Amino acid sequence: MLKHRGFPGRLPGTDYQFTIRRPNPRGVTPLTERARYGDRKPADRRADAGFMQALWDQFGDQPFERGNLDAGRLSWLFGREVVAAEDPFDPASYDALLRIDVAVARSSFPDVFGGGSA
């Protein structure tokens, strides 16, 4: 499992986890597309935006390996702002390649991409 050096482990000042320390001994947690509803807590929205900011700062528009990125946090963005960068795609692999769909991410997180407030 690739460890992304320099990637924040969590949202500063919170317990919202961005990375994992070691592989899951019971198997890789698969990425799934989670629905984000409008009634989510502001703290959850900040965590999504903070994670997107960290992804953008670390990888930009280039493909990246899932590695030690937290499956739960990725799943909130997967299928929309973060998409598969390979075909076939294995959602239960630490080696899976992902990429940011910049157009969707810019629309969902305008503050991250310098588009003002949402």
Protein backbone atom coordinates (compact mmCIF):
# COMPACT_ATOMS: atom_id res chain seq x y z
CA MET A 1 0.00 0.00 0.00
CA LEU A 2 1.46 3.30 -1.12
CA LYS A 3 1.65 5.91 1.63
CA HIS A 4 1.12 9.41 0.26
CA ARG A 5 3.86 11.42 1.95
CA GLY A 6 2.88 14.98 2.76
CA PHE A 7 -0.85 14.25 2.57
CA PRO A 8 -2.68 15.42 5.73
CA GLY A 9 -3.80 12.57 7.99
CA ARG A 10 -7.00 14.35 8.99
CA LEU A 11 -8.87 17.62 8.77
CA PRO A 12 -6.96 19.96 11.11
CA GLY A 13 -8.64 20.38 14.49
CA THR A 14 -11.08 17.49 13.95
CA ASP A 15 -11.27 13.70 14.00
CA TYR A 16 -12.22 13.52 10.30
CA GLN A 17 -9.68 11.01 8.98
CA PHE A 18 -8.09 11.41 5.51
CA THR A 19 -5.56 8.54 5.54
CA ILE A 20 -5.09 5.15 7.12
CA ARG A 21 -1.90 4.01 8.84
CA ARG A 22 -1.77 0.40 7.70
CA PRO A 23 -3.62 -1.99 5.38
CA ASN A 24 -6.77 -3.59 6.75
CA PRO A 25 -5.86 -7.18 7.72
CA ARG A 26 -9.43 -8.33 6.93
CA GLY A 27 -9.21 -7.04 3.36
CA VAL A 28 -9.40 -3.78 1.47
CA THR A 29 -12.49 -1.67 2.10
CA PRO A 30 -14.04 -1.13 -1.35
CA LEU A 31 -14.86 2.35 -2.61
CA THR A 32 -18.58 2.93 -3.02
CA GLU A 33 -20.51 5.92 -4.25
CA ARG A 34 -22.21 7.57 -1.26
CA ALA A 35 -25.08 10.00 -1.73
CA ARG A 36 -24.50 13.46 -0.26
CA TYR A 37 -27.79 14.99 0.79
CA GLY A 38 -28.39 18.70 1.36
CA ASP A 39 -29.06 18.20 5.07
CA ARG A 40 -25.50 17.05 5.89
CA LYS A 41 -23.88 18.71 8.87
CA PRO A 42 -21.66 21.73 8.21
CA ALA A 43 -18.71 19.85 9.75
CA ASP A 44 -19.19 17.00 7.24
CA ARG A 45 -19.26 19.52 4.40
CA ARG A 46 -16.03 21.10 5.69
CA ALA A 47 -14.43 17.66 5.81
CA ASP A 48 -15.42 17.00 2.19
CA ALA A 49 -14.04 20.38 1.11
CA GLY A 50 -10.86 19.91 3.14
CA PHE A 51 -10.29 16.47 1.63
CA MET A 52 -10.90 17.80 -1.89
CA GLN A 53 -8.43 20.63 -1.19
CA ALA A 54 -5.82 18.12 -0.03
CA LEU A 55 -6.39 15.93 -3.11
CA TRP A 56 -6.10 18.95 -5.43
CA ASP A 57 -2.97 20.25 -3.69
CA GLN A 58 -1.30 16.82 -3.79
CA PHE A 59 -2.36 15.49 -7.21
CA GLY A 60 -3.97 18.24 -9.29
CA ASP A 61 -5.56 16.82 -12.43
CA GLN A 62 -3.13 13.86 -12.62
CA PRO A 63 -4.11 10.23 -11.91
CA PHE A 64 -3.18 9.00 -8.45
CA GLU A 65 -3.03 5.69 -6.63
CA ARG A 66 -5.58 5.10 -3.88
CA GLY A 67 -2.86 3.91 -1.50
CA ASN A 68 -3.47 4.91 2.11
CA LEU A 69 -6.33 7.34 1.39
CA ASP A 70 -9.31 6.59 3.63
CA ALA A 71 -12.03 4.62 1.81
CA GLY A 72 -14.83 6.24 3.79
CA ARG A 73 -13.70 9.77 3.00
CA LEU A 74 -13.01 8.90 -0.66
CA SER A 75 -16.44 7.30 -0.98
CA TRP A 76 -18.15 10.64 -0.26
CA LEU A 77 -16.50 11.98 -3.46
CA PHE A 78 -16.24 8.79 -5.52
CA GLY A 79 -18.31 8.64 -8.69
CA ARG A 80 -18.64 12.42 -8.88
CA GLU A 81 -15.58 14.53 -8.07
CA VAL A 82 -13.20 11.55 -7.90
CA VAL A 83 -13.52 8.95 -10.65
CA ALA A 84 -11.72 5.83 -11.83
CA ALA A 85 -8.66 6.51 -13.96
CA GLU A 86 -8.33 2.97 -15.31
CA ASP A 87 -10.49 0.34 -16.96
CA PRO A 88 -11.09 -2.18 -15.52
CA PHE A 89 -11.29 -0.52 -12.12
CA ASP A 90 -11.05 -2.51 -8.89
CA PRO A 91 -12.78 -0.58 -6.06
CA ALA A 92 -11.21 -2.97 -3.52
CA SER A 93 -7.55 -2.37 -4.42
CA TYR A 94 -5.02 -0.10 -2.77
CA ASP A 95 -3.34 0.08 -6.21
CA ALA A 96 -6.44 1.42 -7.99
CA LEU A 97 -5.88 4.59 -10.00
CA LEU A 98 -8.20 7.54 -9.49
CA ARG A 99 -8.36 11.10 -10.79
CA ILE A 100 -10.23 14.28 -10.00
CA ASP A 101 -12.98 15.19 -12.46
CA VAL A 102 -12.01 18.85 -12.41
CA ALA A 103 -15.23 20.20 -13.97
CA VAL A 104 -17.44 18.40 -11.44
CA ALA A 105 -15.13 19.18 -8.52
CA ARG A 106 -14.99 22.87 -9.49
CA SER A 107 -18.80 22.99 -9.52
CA SER A 108 -19.15 21.13 -6.19
CA PHE A 109 -16.30 22.89 -4.35
CA PRO A 110 -15.87 26.36 -5.88
CA ASP A 111 -13.88 27.63 -2.87
CA VAL A 112 -11.22 24.96 -3.42
CA PHE A 113 -10.75 26.05 -7.03
CA GLY A 114 -10.94 29.83 -6.46
CA GLY A 115 -14.55 30.26 -7.60
CA GLY A 116 -15.88 32.10 -4.55
CA SER A 117 -18.38 30.99 -1.95
CA ALA A 118 -20.96 28.25 -2.36
